[in-house]
Protein backbone atom coordinates (compact mmCIF):
# COMPACT_ATOMS: atom_id res chain seq x y z
CA MET A 1 0.08 -0.06 0.11
CA SER A 2 3.16 2.31 0.44
CA LYS A 3 5.05 1.02 -2.58
CA ALA A 4 1.35 2.54 -4.15
CA CYS A 5 1.25 5.29 -3.10
CA HIS A 6 4.50 6.31 -3.70
CA PHE A 7 3.86 5.79 -7.64
CA ILE A 8 1.29 7.75 -7.14
CA SER A 9 2.86 11.00 -5.84
CA ALA A 10 5.67 10.60 -8.05
CA VAL A 11 3.10 10.80 -11.34
CA PHE A 12 1.52 13.80 -10.12
CA SER A 13 5.02 15.64 -9.74
CA VAL A 14 5.76 14.79 -13.02
CA LEU A 15 2.45 15.95 -14.50
CA ALA A 16 2.93 19.25 -12.47
CA LEU A 17 6.42 19.96 -13.89
CA CYS A 18 5.48 18.83 -17.23
CA GLY A 19 2.38 21.57 -17.08
CA LEU A 20 4.67 24.59 -15.61
CA ALA A 21 6.77 23.44 -18.63
CA GLY A 22 4.32 23.84 -21.15
CA CYS A 23 2.80 26.55 -19.52
CA GLU A 24 6.33 28.51 -19.66
CA SER A 25 6.46 27.27 -23.24
CA GLY A 26 3.13 28.96 -24.46
CA ARG A 27 4.65 31.87 -22.84
CA SER A 28 7.21 32.26 -24.57
CA LYS A 29 5.39 32.18 -27.81
CA ALA A 30 2.68 34.42 -27.15
CA ALA A 31 4.94 36.77 -25.90
CA PRO A 32 5.53 39.70 -29.23
CA SER A 33 8.46 40.25 -30.67
CA THR A 34 9.84 43.70 -31.81
CA ALA A 35 11.03 43.03 -35.76
CA PRO A 36 13.71 45.63 -36.70
CA ALA A 37 12.52 48.62 -38.77
CA ALA A 38 13.38 48.28 -42.46
CA SER A 39 15.87 51.65 -44.12
CA VAL A 40 14.37 53.33 -46.80
CA GLU A 41 15.67 56.12 -48.71
CA VAL A 42 12.33 58.63 -49.09
CA VAL A 43 12.04 61.66 -51.42
CA GLN A 44 9.28 64.22 -51.00
CA VAL A 45 6.63 65.12 -53.64
CA VAL A 46 6.65 67.73 -55.01
CA ALA A 47 4.10 69.74 -57.93
CA LYS A 48 4.97 71.74 -60.92
CA LYS A 49 3.50 72.55 -64.25
CA LEU A 50 4.82 69.97 -66.88
CA ASN A 51 6.10 71.49 -70.00
CA ILE A 52 7.68 68.99 -72.39
CA VAL A 53 8.32 67.24 -75.59
CA VAL A 54 7.15 63.98 -76.59
CA ARG A 55 7.33 62.49 -79.68
CA LEU A 56 3.49 61.19 -81.13
CA PRO A 57 3.07 59.53 -84.78
CA GLY A 58 1.17 61.38 -87.67
CA GLU A 59 0.02 61.46 -91.25
CA ILE A 60 0.42 63.47 -93.95
CA ARG A 61 -2.83 63.99 -96.45
CA PRO A 62 -3.76 66.70 -98.82
CA TYR A 63 -5.27 70.13 -97.84
CA GLU A 64 -7.72 68.84 -101.02
CA ILE A 65 -8.37 65.85 -102.81
CA VAL A 66 -11.32 65.74 -105.40
CA ALA A 67 -12.19 63.05 -107.65
CA VAL A 68 -13.56 64.20 -111.47
CA TYR A 69 -16.03 62.99 -113.08
CA PRO A 70 -18.12 64.36 -116.09
CA LYS A 71 -21.10 66.67 -115.31
CA VAL A 72 -23.25 65.07 -118.58
CA THR A 73 -22.78 61.82 -120.50
CA GLY A 74 -20.56 61.79 -123.52
CA PHE A 75 -17.54 59.53 -125.19
CA LEU A 76 -14.23 60.82 -123.97
CA GLN A 77 -12.90 62.67 -127.36
CA TRP A 78 -9.55 63.84 -125.84
CA ILE A 79 -7.88 63.71 -122.32
CA GLY A 80 -3.93 65.88 -122.08
CA VAL A 81 -2.61 65.16 -118.88
CA ASP A 82 -2.05 61.36 -116.57
CA ARG A 83 -0.59 60.24 -113.04
CA GLY A 84 1.76 62.69 -111.69
CA SER A 85 0.77 65.46 -114.06
CA ARG A 86 1.04 68.95 -112.50
CA VAL A 87 -2.08 71.25 -113.19
CA LYS A 88 -3.64 74.43 -112.54
CA LYS A 89 -6.63 75.69 -111.38
CA GLY A 90 -8.97 76.22 -115.18
CA GLN A 91 -6.72 74.12 -116.87
CA LEU A 92 -8.71 71.96 -119.83
CA LEU A 93 -8.09 68.65 -118.98
CA ALA A 94 -10.35 66.47 -120.95
CA ARG A 95 -12.76 67.05 -124.02
CA LEU A 96 -16.15 65.06 -124.30
CA THR A 97 -18.49 64.76 -127.47
CA ALA A 98 -22.05 64.32 -127.16
CA PRO A 99 -23.99 65.00 -130.75
CA GLU A 100 -27.14 65.09 -129.42
CA LEU A 101 -26.06 68.13 -126.80
CA ASP A 102 -24.63 70.18 -129.68
CA ALA A 103 -28.01 69.13 -131.57
CA ASP A 104 -30.17 70.49 -129.01
CA ARG A 105 -28.54 74.09 -128.33
CA GLN A 106 -28.59 74.65 -132.54
CA ASN A 107 -32.58 73.65 -132.45
CA ALA A 108 -32.39 76.09 -129.39
CA GLU A 109 -30.37 79.02 -131.58
CA ALA A 110 -33.18 78.39 -134.63
CA ARG A 111 -35.93 77.97 -132.48
CA LEU A 112 -34.61 82.09 -130.82
CA ARG A 113 -33.79 83.84 -134.09
CA SER A 114 -37.75 82.86 -135.14
CA GLU A 115 -39.18 83.96 -132.27
CA GLN A 116 -36.84 87.04 -132.55
CA ALA A 117 -38.48 87.23 -136.09
CA ALA A 118 -41.99 86.64 -135.08
CA LEU A 119 -41.07 89.37 -131.84
CA ILE A 120 -40.37 91.91 -134.42
CA ALA A 121 -43.57 91.46 -136.95
CA ALA A 122 -45.76 91.83 -133.79
CA GLN A 123 -44.17 95.11 -132.74
CA ALA A 124 -44.38 96.09 -135.68
CA ARG A 125 -48.36 95.32 -136.58
CA PHE A 126 -48.65 97.46 -132.93
CA GLY A 127 -46.88 100.49 -134.02
CA ALA A 128 -48.84 100.39 -137.14
CA ASP A 129 -52.11 99.75 -135.53
CA GLU A 130 -51.07 102.37 -133.15
CA SER A 131 -50.11 105.28 -135.43
CA THR A 132 -53.65 104.58 -136.90
CA TYR A 133 -55.21 104.83 -133.90
CA GLN A 134 -54.28 107.93 -132.93
CA SER A 135 -55.19 109.27 -135.93
CA LEU A 136 -58.66 108.57 -135.57
CA SER A 137 -58.46 110.03 -132.27
CA LYS A 138 -57.55 112.86 -133.76
CA ALA A 139 -59.64 113.01 -136.74
CA ALA A 140 -62.71 112.26 -134.06
CA ALA A 141 -61.92 115.21 -132.61
CA THR A 142 -64.11 116.75 -135.36
CA PRO A 143 -67.41 115.41 -135.19
CA GLY A 144 -69.48 113.61 -137.74
CA VAL A 145 -65.96 112.93 -139.11
CA ILE A 146 -65.04 108.90 -137.76
CA ALA A 147 -67.80 106.71 -136.28
CA GLY A 148 -67.53 106.17 -132.98
CA ASN A 149 -67.40 101.87 -134.13
CA GLU A 150 -64.10 103.01 -135.73
CA LEU A 151 -62.45 104.08 -133.14
CA GLN A 152 -63.36 101.37 -130.91
CA VAL A 153 -62.05 98.59 -133.13
CA ALA A 154 -59.06 100.34 -133.58
CA LYS A 155 -58.01 100.87 -130.24
CA LYS A 156 -59.38 97.11 -129.61
CA ARG A 157 -56.38 96.30 -132.38
CA VAL A 158 -53.96 98.30 -130.08
CA GLU A 159 -54.60 96.33 -127.49
CA ALA A 160 -54.38 93.15 -129.02
CA ASP A 161 -51.26 93.54 -130.91
CA GLN A 162 -49.85 94.75 -127.12
CA ALA A 163 -50.72 91.36 -125.87
CA GLN A 164 -49.22 89.84 -128.85
CA VAL A 165 -46.00 91.88 -128.39
CA ARG A 166 -45.73 90.74 -124.57
CA ALA A 167 -46.32 86.82 -125.30
CA ALA A 168 -43.89 87.21 -128.48
CA GLN A 169 -41.18 88.91 -125.69
CA GLU A 170 -42.17 85.98 -122.87
CA GLN A 171 -41.35 83.64 -125.46
CA VAL A 172 -38.33 84.67 -126.56
CA ALA A 173 -37.12 85.19 -123.24
CA ALA A 174 -37.79 81.76 -122.60
CA THR A 175 -36.05 80.21 -125.26
CA ARG A 176 -33.11 81.94 -124.64
CA ASP A 177 -33.41 80.41 -121.30
CA ARG A 178 -33.21 77.22 -123.08
CA LEU A 179 -30.46 78.24 -125.58
CA SER A 180 -28.40 79.15 -122.06
CA ALA A 181 -28.93 75.88 -120.95
CA ALA A 182 -28.19 74.00 -123.53
CA THR A 183 -25.08 75.98 -123.78
CA GLU A 184 -23.97 75.42 -120.84
CA LEU A 185 -23.99 71.88 -121.21
CA THR A 186 -21.72 72.01 -124.21
CA GLU A 187 -19.88 73.37 -121.95
CA TYR A 188 -19.65 70.90 -119.53
CA LEU A 189 -18.14 68.66 -122.05
CA GLN A 190 -14.61 70.08 -121.29
CA ILE A 191 -13.59 68.97 -118.11
CA ARG A 192 -11.31 71.85 -116.31
CA ALA A 193 -8.91 71.43 -113.39
CA PRO A 194 -10.85 72.79 -110.50
CA PHE A 195 -7.80 74.24 -108.14
CA ASP A 196 -3.48 73.70 -108.87
CA GLY A 197 -2.62 70.36 -107.84
CA ILE A 198 -1.14 67.23 -109.43
CA VAL A 199 -3.56 64.47 -110.95
CA ILE A 200 -2.54 61.02 -108.51
CA GLU A 201 -5.06 58.75 -110.66
CA ARG A 202 -6.41 58.64 -114.37
CA ASN A 203 -9.22 56.09 -115.15
CA ALA A 204 -9.98 57.15 -118.87
CA HIS A 205 -8.51 56.98 -122.10
CA PRO A 206 -9.93 57.86 -125.31
CA GLY A 207 -13.18 56.67 -126.89
CA ASP A 208 -14.26 55.55 -123.14
CA LEU A 209 -17.91 56.17 -122.08
CA VAL A 210 -18.09 58.43 -119.48
CA ASP A 211 -20.80 59.33 -116.77
CA PRO A 212 -21.74 61.23 -113.68
CA ALA A 213 -21.66 57.75 -112.11
CA GLY A 214 -18.39 56.57 -113.16
CA VAL A 215 -16.44 55.61 -116.37
CA SER A 216 -17.74 52.54 -118.12
CA GLY A 217 -14.79 51.82 -120.30
CA ALA A 218 -13.72 48.69 -120.86
CA GLY A 219 -11.03 47.90 -118.07
CA SER A 220 -11.96 50.46 -116.01
CA LYS A 221 -14.29 49.89 -112.30
CA ALA A 222 -18.18 51.01 -113.20
CA THR A 223 -17.81 53.67 -110.36
CA ALA A 224 -14.14 54.84 -110.90
CA PRO A 225 -13.70 59.11 -111.37
CA MET A 226 -11.76 59.78 -114.90
CA LEU A 227 -9.36 62.17 -113.01
CA ARG A 228 -8.24 62.29 -109.28
CA ILE A 229 -6.32 65.41 -108.53
CA GLU A 230 -4.55 66.08 -104.98
CA MET A 231 -3.45 69.59 -103.77
CA LEU A 232 0.14 69.47 -102.79
CA SER A 233 1.34 73.35 -102.23
CA ARG A 234 -0.37 73.38 -99.12
CA LEU A 235 -1.10 69.59 -96.57
CA ARG A 236 -2.30 68.65 -94.00
CA LEU A 237 -0.97 66.91 -91.12
CA VAL A 238 -2.95 64.74 -88.28
CA VAL A 239 -1.31 63.98 -84.85
CA PRO A 240 -3.34 61.42 -82.80
CA VAL A 241 -3.39 63.07 -79.13
CA PRO A 242 -3.73 60.62 -76.36
CA GLU A 243 -6.73 61.59 -73.63
CA ILE A 244 -4.26 62.55 -71.11
CA ASP A 245 -2.50 65.92 -73.60
CA THR A 246 -6.08 66.86 -74.44
CA GLY A 247 -5.63 69.15 -72.59
CA ALA A 248 -2.95 71.49 -73.53
CA VAL A 249 -3.67 71.85 -77.19
CA VAL A 250 -3.11 75.62 -78.81
CA PRO A 251 -4.16 77.08 -81.35
CA GLY A 252 -1.89 78.46 -83.83
CA ALA A 253 1.41 76.70 -82.22
CA ARG A 254 4.49 76.15 -83.77
CA VAL A 255 5.31 72.17 -84.41
CA ARG A 256 8.13 70.34 -85.30
CA PHE A 257 8.20 67.05 -87.19
CA THR A 258 10.16 64.80 -88.91
CA VAL A 259 9.97 61.92 -92.38
CA PRO A 260 12.06 59.30 -92.66
CA ALA A 261 12.26 60.22 -96.50
CA PHE A 262 14.62 63.01 -95.27
CA PRO A 263 16.83 62.27 -92.19
CA GLY A 264 17.92 65.02 -90.32
CA LYS A 265 15.81 67.29 -91.56
CA THR A 266 13.16 69.26 -89.69
CA PHE A 267 9.56 70.38 -91.20
CA VAL A 268 7.42 72.91 -89.25
CA GLY A 269 3.35 72.95 -88.96
CA THR A 270 1.07 75.02 -87.15
CA VAL A 271 -2.07 73.57 -85.46
CA ALA A 272 -4.94 75.08 -87.03
CA ARG A 273 -8.07 72.47 -86.73
CA VAL A 274 -8.98 70.70 -83.14
CA SER A 275 -11.65 67.55 -83.74
CA ARG A 276 -12.63 68.19 -80.03
CA TYR A 277 -14.04 64.58 -80.17
CA LEU A 278 -12.24 61.54 -79.38
CA HIS A 279 -11.85 58.21 -81.41
CA VAL A 280 -13.62 55.06 -78.86
CA GLU A 281 -10.94 52.75 -79.74
CA THR A 282 -8.02 54.53 -79.56
CA ARG A 283 -8.80 56.88 -77.18
CA THR A 284 -7.17 59.85 -78.81
CA MET A 285 -8.29 62.93 -80.16
CA PRO A 286 -7.19 63.76 -84.42
CA VAL A 287 -5.09 67.57 -84.09
CA GLU A 288 -4.83 69.01 -87.72
CA LEU A 289 -1.99 70.69 -88.70
CA ASN A 290 -1.47 73.13 -92.13
CA VAL A 291 1.95 72.68 -93.63
CA VAL A 292 3.58 75.14 -96.39
CA ASN A 293 4.91 72.19 -99.13
CA ARG A 294 8.20 74.83 -100.39
CA GLY A 295 9.47 72.28 -103.13
CA ASP A 296 7.06 69.67 -103.15
CA GLU A 297 9.32 67.94 -101.31
CA LEU A 298 6.13 65.84 -98.22
CA TYR A 299 3.66 63.63 -100.00
CA PRO A 300 0.17 62.72 -98.73
CA GLY A 301 0.58 59.25 -97.21
CA MET A 302 3.64 59.64 -95.21
CA PHE A 303 3.88 59.15 -91.46
CA PRO A 304 6.31 61.68 -89.64
CA GLN A 305 7.16 61.60 -86.23
CA VAL A 306 5.83 64.56 -84.21
CA ASP A 307 7.51 66.55 -81.83
CA TRP A 308 4.35 67.14 -79.65
CA PRO A 309 4.35 69.63 -76.93
CA VAL A 310 2.31 68.94 -73.79
CA ARG A 311 1.65 71.71 -70.95
CA ARG A 312 -0.40 71.50 -68.05
CA PRO A 313 -1.97 75.09 -67.02
CA TYR A 314 -1.83 73.50 -63.25
CA PRO A 315 0.30 71.88 -61.26
CA THR A 316 0.74 68.24 -61.01
CA PHE A 317 2.68 65.75 -58.48
CA PHE A 318 5.96 64.44 -59.31
CA VAL A 319 7.57 61.22 -58.10
CA PRO A 320 11.12 59.67 -59.45
CA VAL A 321 10.36 56.74 -61.65
CA SER A 322 11.72 54.22 -59.76
CA ALA A 323 8.93 54.90 -56.39
CA VAL A 324 6.49 53.64 -58.57
CA THR A 325 5.33 49.91 -58.44
CA ASN A 326 3.08 48.22 -61.16
CA THR A 327 1.68 44.87 -60.25
CA THR A 328 -1.51 42.79 -61.24
CA GLN A 329 -3.45 44.60 -58.58
CA GLY A 330 -2.62 47.90 -59.41
CA THR A 331 -0.22 51.09 -59.06
CA PHE A 332 1.34 52.07 -55.82
CA VAL A 333 4.11 54.55 -54.26
CA LEU A 334 4.87 53.75 -50.56
CA ARG A 335 4.53 56.98 -48.83
CA VAL A 336 6.20 56.82 -44.94
CA ARG A 337 3.34 58.53 -42.65
CA GLY A 338 4.77 58.29 -38.54
CA GLY A 339 7.28 55.97 -39.48
CA ARG A 340 5.19 53.43 -41.58
CA ALA A 341 4.37 52.18 -44.63
CA GLU A 342 1.53 52.86 -46.31
CA ARG A 343 0.13 52.10 -50.33
CA VAL A 344 -1.12 54.81 -52.03
CA GLU A 345 -2.90 53.75 -55.19
CA VAL A 346 -2.18 56.15 -58.18
CA LYS A 347 -2.39 56.68 -62.34
CA THR A 348 0.08 58.08 -63.88
CA GLY A 349 0.40 60.39 -66.64
CA GLU A 350 3.94 62.02 -68.51
CA THR A 351 7.90 60.96 -67.72
CA GLU A 352 10.04 64.15 -67.26
CA ARG A 353 13.48 63.12 -66.80
CA GLY A 354 13.50 60.48 -64.64
CA LEU A 355 10.29 61.73 -62.82
CA VAL A 356 6.75 60.83 -63.83
CA GLU A 357 3.46 62.12 -63.22
CA VAL A 358 1.42 60.87 -60.88
CA PHE A 359 -2.44 61.09 -59.60
CA GLY A 360 -3.98 59.89 -56.38
CA GLN A 361 -4.47 60.89 -52.61
CA MET A 362 -1.16 63.18 -51.79
CA LYS A 363 -0.39 65.89 -51.38
CA GLU A 364 3.06 68.12 -52.11
CA GLY A 365 6.03 67.46 -49.35
CA ASP A 366 4.72 63.63 -48.91
CA GLU A 367 7.59 61.50 -48.14
CA VAL A 368 7.68 58.25 -50.64
CA VAL A 369 9.94 55.39 -50.64
CA LEU A 370 12.47 56.08 -53.82
CA ARG A 371 12.84 52.53 -54.96
CA GLY A 372 9.31 51.10 -54.31
CA GLY A 373 8.32 47.22 -54.26
CA GLU A 374 6.46 45.04 -52.28
CA GLU A 375 8.79 43.91 -50.82
CA ILE A 376 7.64 46.38 -47.80
CA PRO A 377 4.40 45.34 -46.42
CA PRO A 378 1.43 47.98 -45.59
CA GLY A 379 1.96 48.98 -41.54
CA SER A 380 5.52 47.80 -41.50
CA PRO A 381 7.79 49.77 -39.20
CA VAL A 382 10.46 51.54 -41.33
CA ALA A 383 13.72 53.87 -40.46
CA VAL A 384 13.62 57.02 -43.26
CA LYS A 385 16.88 58.88 -44.86
CA LEU A 386 16.20 62.01 -47.20
CA VAL A 387 17.64 61.92 -50.24
CA ALA A 388 17.77 64.77 -52.53
CA SER A 389 14.23 66.40 -53.12
CA VAL A 390 13.00 65.97 -57.09
CA PRO A 391 13.87 68.24 -59.13
């Protein structure tokens, strides 16, 4: 019985010691450890007005372009220009033939001559009858010399002659208008240049039947114009400006650009037209520049590189490019407040000399980690070292 009591006492002693050890171990695990603060370099956020030049692609287009169609149907009798021909405004380019139009004009001329002769005859009758009426009126002043009925008949004849003269005059005027229209149609048989330019396309040849709907000759497309002419002395340079830079477009500003055909040479255009709308697909706004094409060195269809000025009318925030971290979850900078790091979601803008615009919940003078990243968790303590301010 004594041995059993000693055994039970020993067991309880071992359990008590194990419990005490476990308790001490639990306390040691629960005790918080003080992690060392990470040492980081920080810079201050500054605000300034952006004023830089960015490279944007552009497209050169003709200032004016016209597809030349005939105004009347006819056969092409002669054409004096071809692809690459330089033309002057009003220059005769082609001549059509349409016998029916010439016949209509000749008929109108003959009709006009006939109606002019009828008008002259009506005016002569009116003059003679009016003279007779005047004589009878004077004679009727003496009672009994002229019968009253005879004077009335003479008066009615004069009125009828006057009405015939007016009708003949109206007929002559209408026929003259028809002759003018027929003459104008025959003038349409001559195709002239609408402005100074160059022929870039020709689809008609002598003998082709052409009409306002297009060329109907063999080997030609049914809707093709006879000619296509472009103005080259002045050009349009179209620049798609990104949405973020559309607030600084200045009409009248002079902008430089280059083209691959002339390496090292710089050309200049003037901002002339701002579309004031954005393409949904590209989020860009087309801006047109006027370009004076001295020497005809530039051609429509060229794709120049444009030195586009970007300015902000108000200050924006800047940080070094290395301070911005891009992840699949978003873009952020690490700001230090109260000795701890915190993430600030931002959107980036233009870059200038190693600095980048940032837009987010921050203010001028905030301290951000110079070399951001995901290695520093939000809320972790940091020891900061302020480096040179953002220029």
